[in-house]
Amino acid sequence: MENSRFSRLNQYRSMWVLVFFDLPTETRTERKAATRFRKQLLDDGFGMFQFSIYSRFCASRENAAVHIKRTKNNLPKKGKVAVMQITDKQFGMIELFHGKKEIEPEVPHQQLELF
């Protein structure tokens, strides 16, 4: 991949969308709503980053806006949900640890666009 500022997958143009949530699970109905919300995130291409944090790589801000809109359309009636977008460059500066051992952040795969 070319490292110029005009590259199709520029680190400042490509985005990560992070969805943070804290949903109630006291009743059966609340558990179903929480499960449905998580399943909709997975169906939309998000992956679990941590238990209540899901992330998705988007090749552009416009693509990120599409996935944020879908997430907003699927919000459960109860609970707290936060959506944040950061550039690929910012995401690449995250320091991740498993215990005391540092691990490498996920590297996005280049996505083929058919139009």
C-alpha atoms as a PDB file:
ATOM      1  CA  MET A   1       0.000   0.000   0.000  1.00  0.00           C
ATOM      2  CA  GLU A   2       1.282   3.421  -0.915  1.00  0.00           C
ATOM      3  CA  ASN A   3       2.115   5.637   2.065  1.00  0.00           C
ATOM      4  CA  SER A   4       1.246   8.983   0.482  1.00  0.00           C
ATOM      5  CA  ARG A   5      -1.462  11.271   1.774  1.00  0.00           C
ATOM      6  CA  PHE A   6      -3.425  10.440  -1.391  1.00  0.00           C
ATOM      7  CA  SER A   7      -3.523   6.717  -0.680  1.00  0.00           C
ATOM      8  CA  ARG A   8      -6.996   5.134  -0.888  1.00  0.00           C
ATOM      9  CA  LEU A   9      -6.665   3.790   2.666  1.00  0.00           C
ATOM     10  CA  ASN A  10      -4.945   6.754   4.235  1.00  0.00           C
ATOM     11  CA  GLN A  11      -4.462   6.425   8.028  1.00  0.00           C
ATOM     12  CA  TYR A  12      -6.153   9.785   8.562  1.00  0.00           C
ATOM     13  CA  ARG A  13      -9.086   9.051   6.222  1.00  0.00           C
ATOM     14  CA  SER A  14      -9.892   5.504   7.315  1.00  0.00           C
ATOM     15  CA  MET A  15     -11.789   5.262  10.571  1.00  0.00           C
ATOM     16  CA  TRP A  16     -12.506   2.922  13.434  1.00  0.00           C
ATOM     17  CA  VAL A  17     -15.987   3.010  14.928  1.00  0.00           C
ATOM     18  CA  LEU A  18     -16.156   1.948  18.567  1.00  0.00           C
ATOM     19  CA  VAL A  19     -19.453   1.160  20.294  1.00  0.00           C
ATOM     20  CA  PHE A  20     -19.424   1.108  24.102  1.00  0.00           C
ATOM     21  CA  PHE A  21     -22.492  -0.084  25.963  1.00  0.00           C
ATOM     22  CA  ASP A  22     -23.827  -0.925  29.370  1.00  0.00           C
ATOM     23  CA  LEU A  23     -27.198  -2.615  28.988  1.00  0.00           C
ATOM     24  CA  PRO A  24     -29.469  -3.923  31.735  1.00  0.00           C
ATOM     25  CA  THR A  25     -29.881  -7.711  31.936  1.00  0.00           C
ATOM     26  CA  GLU A  26     -32.099  -8.117  35.006  1.00  0.00           C
ATOM     27  CA  THR A  27     -35.176  -9.450  33.215  1.00  0.00           C
ATOM     28  CA  ARG A  28     -35.597 -11.878  30.357  1.00  0.00           C
ATOM     29  CA  THR A  29     -36.810  -9.041  28.109  1.00  0.00           C
ATOM     30  CA  GLU A  30     -33.721  -6.935  28.918  1.00  0.00           C
ATOM     31  CA  ARG A  31     -31.405  -9.890  28.234  1.00  0.00           C
ATOM     32  CA  LYS A  32     -33.094 -10.483  24.874  1.00  0.00           C
ATOM     33  CA  ALA A  33     -32.742  -6.803  23.954  1.00  0.00           C
ATOM     34  CA  ALA A  34     -29.046  -6.802  24.930  1.00  0.00           C
ATOM     35  CA  THR A  35     -28.410 -10.003  22.973  1.00  0.00           C
ATOM     36  CA  ARG A  36     -30.260  -8.613  19.946  1.00  0.00           C
ATOM     37  CA  PHE A  37     -28.165  -5.413  20.057  1.00  0.00           C
ATOM     38  CA  ARG A  38     -24.878  -7.369  20.231  1.00  0.00           C
ATOM     39  CA  LYS A  39     -26.015  -9.672  17.406  1.00  0.00           C
ATOM     40  CA  GLN A  40     -26.905  -6.676  15.219  1.00  0.00           C
ATOM     41  CA  LEU A  41     -23.416  -5.240  15.811  1.00  0.00           C
ATOM     42  CA  LEU A  42     -21.836  -8.558  14.802  1.00  0.00           C
ATOM     43  CA  ASP A  43     -24.077  -8.799  11.719  1.00  0.00           C
ATOM     44  CA  ASP A  44     -22.936  -5.293  10.718  1.00  0.00           C
ATOM     45  CA  GLY A  45     -19.283  -6.330  10.780  1.00  0.00           C
ATOM     46  CA  PHE A  46     -18.306  -5.228  14.277  1.00  0.00           C
ATOM     47  CA  GLY A  47     -16.034  -7.424  16.354  1.00  0.00           C
ATOM     48  CA  MET A  48     -15.733  -7.703  20.102  1.00  0.00           C
ATOM     49  CA  PHE A  49     -12.860  -5.552  21.335  1.00  0.00           C
ATOM     50  CA  GLN A  50     -13.711  -6.133  25.009  1.00  0.00           C
ATOM     51  CA  PHE A  51     -16.894  -7.420  26.672  1.00  0.00           C
ATOM     52  CA  SER A  52     -19.005  -4.299  26.126  1.00  0.00           C
ATOM     53  CA  ILE A  53     -16.874  -2.640  23.472  1.00  0.00           C
ATOM     54  CA  TYR A  54     -17.231  -3.514  19.798  1.00  0.00           C
ATOM     55  CA  SER A  55     -15.099  -2.104  16.977  1.00  0.00           C
ATOM     56  CA  ARG A  56     -15.284  -1.915  13.207  1.00  0.00           C
ATOM     57  CA  PHE A  57     -12.801  -0.679  10.625  1.00  0.00           C
ATOM     58  CA  CYS A  58     -14.231   1.625   7.952  1.00  0.00           C
ATOM     59  CA  ALA A  59     -12.311   2.687   4.849  1.00  0.00           C
ATOM     60  CA  SER A  60     -13.741   6.225   4.939  1.00  0.00           C
ATOM     61  CA  ARG A  61     -15.691   8.700   7.066  1.00  0.00           C
ATOM     62  CA  GLU A  62     -18.696   8.180   4.792  1.00  0.00           C
ATOM     63  CA  ASN A  63     -18.594   4.435   5.371  1.00  0.00           C
ATOM     64  CA  ALA A  64     -18.284   5.029   9.123  1.00  0.00           C
ATOM     65  CA  ALA A  65     -21.377   7.264   9.003  1.00  0.00           C
ATOM     66  CA  VAL A  66     -23.389   4.413   7.439  1.00  0.00           C
ATOM     67  CA  HIS A  67     -22.472   2.010  10.252  1.00  0.00           C
ATOM     68  CA  ILE A  68     -23.058   4.621  12.951  1.00  0.00           C
ATOM     69  CA  LYS A  69     -26.529   5.281  11.511  1.00  0.00           C
ATOM     70  CA  ARG A  70     -27.306   1.531  11.563  1.00  0.00           C
ATOM     71  CA  THR A  71     -26.158   1.335  15.179  1.00  0.00           C
ATOM     72  CA  LYS A  72     -28.370   4.283  16.126  1.00  0.00           C
ATOM     73  CA  ASN A  73     -31.345   2.638  14.408  1.00  0.00           C
ATOM     74  CA  ASN A  74     -30.832  -0.504  16.508  1.00  0.00           C
ATOM     75  CA  LEU A  75     -30.448   1.106  19.935  1.00  0.00           C
ATOM     76  CA  PRO A  76     -32.212  -0.750  22.748  1.00  0.00           C
ATOM     77  CA  LYS A  77     -34.850   1.124  24.780  1.00  0.00           C
ATOM     78  CA  LYS A  78     -32.860   0.897  28.018  1.00  0.00           C
ATOM     79  CA  GLY A  79     -29.184   1.164  28.890  1.00  0.00           C
ATOM     80  CA  LYS A  80     -26.276   3.368  27.894  1.00  0.00           C
ATOM     81  CA  VAL A  81     -24.620   3.280  24.478  1.00  0.00           C
ATOM     82  CA  ALA A  82     -21.755   5.460  23.244  1.00  0.00           C
ATOM     83  CA  VAL A  83     -20.419   5.574  19.693  1.00  0.00           C
ATOM     84  CA  MET A  84     -16.968   6.991  18.988  1.00  0.00           C
ATOM     85  CA  GLN A  85     -14.999   7.273  15.771  1.00  0.00           C
ATOM     86  CA  ILE A  86     -11.250   7.626  15.618  1.00  0.00           C
ATOM     87  CA  THR A  87      -8.819   7.615  12.728  1.00  0.00           C
ATOM     88  CA  ASP A  88      -6.792   4.540  11.887  1.00  0.00           C
ATOM     89  CA  LYS A  89      -3.695   6.518  12.900  1.00  0.00           C
ATOM     90  CA  GLN A  90      -5.153   7.143  16.377  1.00  0.00           C
ATOM     91  CA  PHE A  91      -6.244   3.518  16.713  1.00  0.00           C
ATOM     92  CA  GLY A  92      -2.728   2.444  15.781  1.00  0.00           C
ATOM     93  CA  MET A  93      -1.369   4.339  18.805  1.00  0.00           C
ATOM     94  CA  ILE A  94      -3.433   2.277  21.274  1.00  0.00           C
ATOM     95  CA  GLU A  95      -1.314   0.288  23.700  1.00  0.00           C
ATOM     96  CA  LEU A  96      -2.948  -3.080  24.390  1.00  0.00           C
ATOM     97  CA  PHE A  97      -2.022  -5.435  27.208  1.00  0.00           C
ATOM     98  CA  HIS A  98      -3.045  -8.940  28.162  1.00  0.00           C
ATOM     99  CA  GLY A  99      -1.998  -9.087  31.777  1.00  0.00           C
ATOM    100  CA  LYS A 100       1.439  -7.477  31.761  1.00  0.00           C
ATOM    101  CA  LYS A 101       2.254  -8.647  28.234  1.00  0.00           C
ATOM    102  CA  GLU A 102       1.822  -6.062  25.465  1.00  0.00           C
ATOM    103  CA  ILE A 103      -0.053  -7.299  22.397  1.00  0.00           C
ATOM    104  CA  GLU A 104      -0.281  -5.905  18.862  1.00  0.00           C
ATOM    105  CA  PRO A 105      -3.494  -4.083  17.825  1.00  0.00           C
ATOM    106  CA  GLU A 106      -5.664  -5.596  15.104  1.00  0.00           C
ATOM    107  CA  VAL A 107      -4.512  -4.798  11.568  1.00  0.00           C
ATOM    108  CA  PRO A 108      -7.435  -4.030   9.223  1.00  0.00           C
ATOM    109  CA  HIS A 109      -7.732  -5.999   6.024  1.00  0.00           C
ATOM    110  CA  GLN A 110      -8.034  -4.087   2.782  1.00  0.00           C
ATOM    111  CA  GLN A 111     -11.627  -4.312   1.623  1.00  0.00           C
ATOM    112  CA  LEU A 112     -12.513  -4.725  -2.038  1.00  0.00           C
ATOM    113  CA  GLU A 113     -14.989  -2.181  -3.386  1.00  0.00           C
ATOM    114  CA  LEU A 114     -16.957  -3.249  -6.445  1.00  0.00           C
ATOM    115  CA  PHE A 115     -17.976   0.171  -7.748  1.00  0.00           C
END
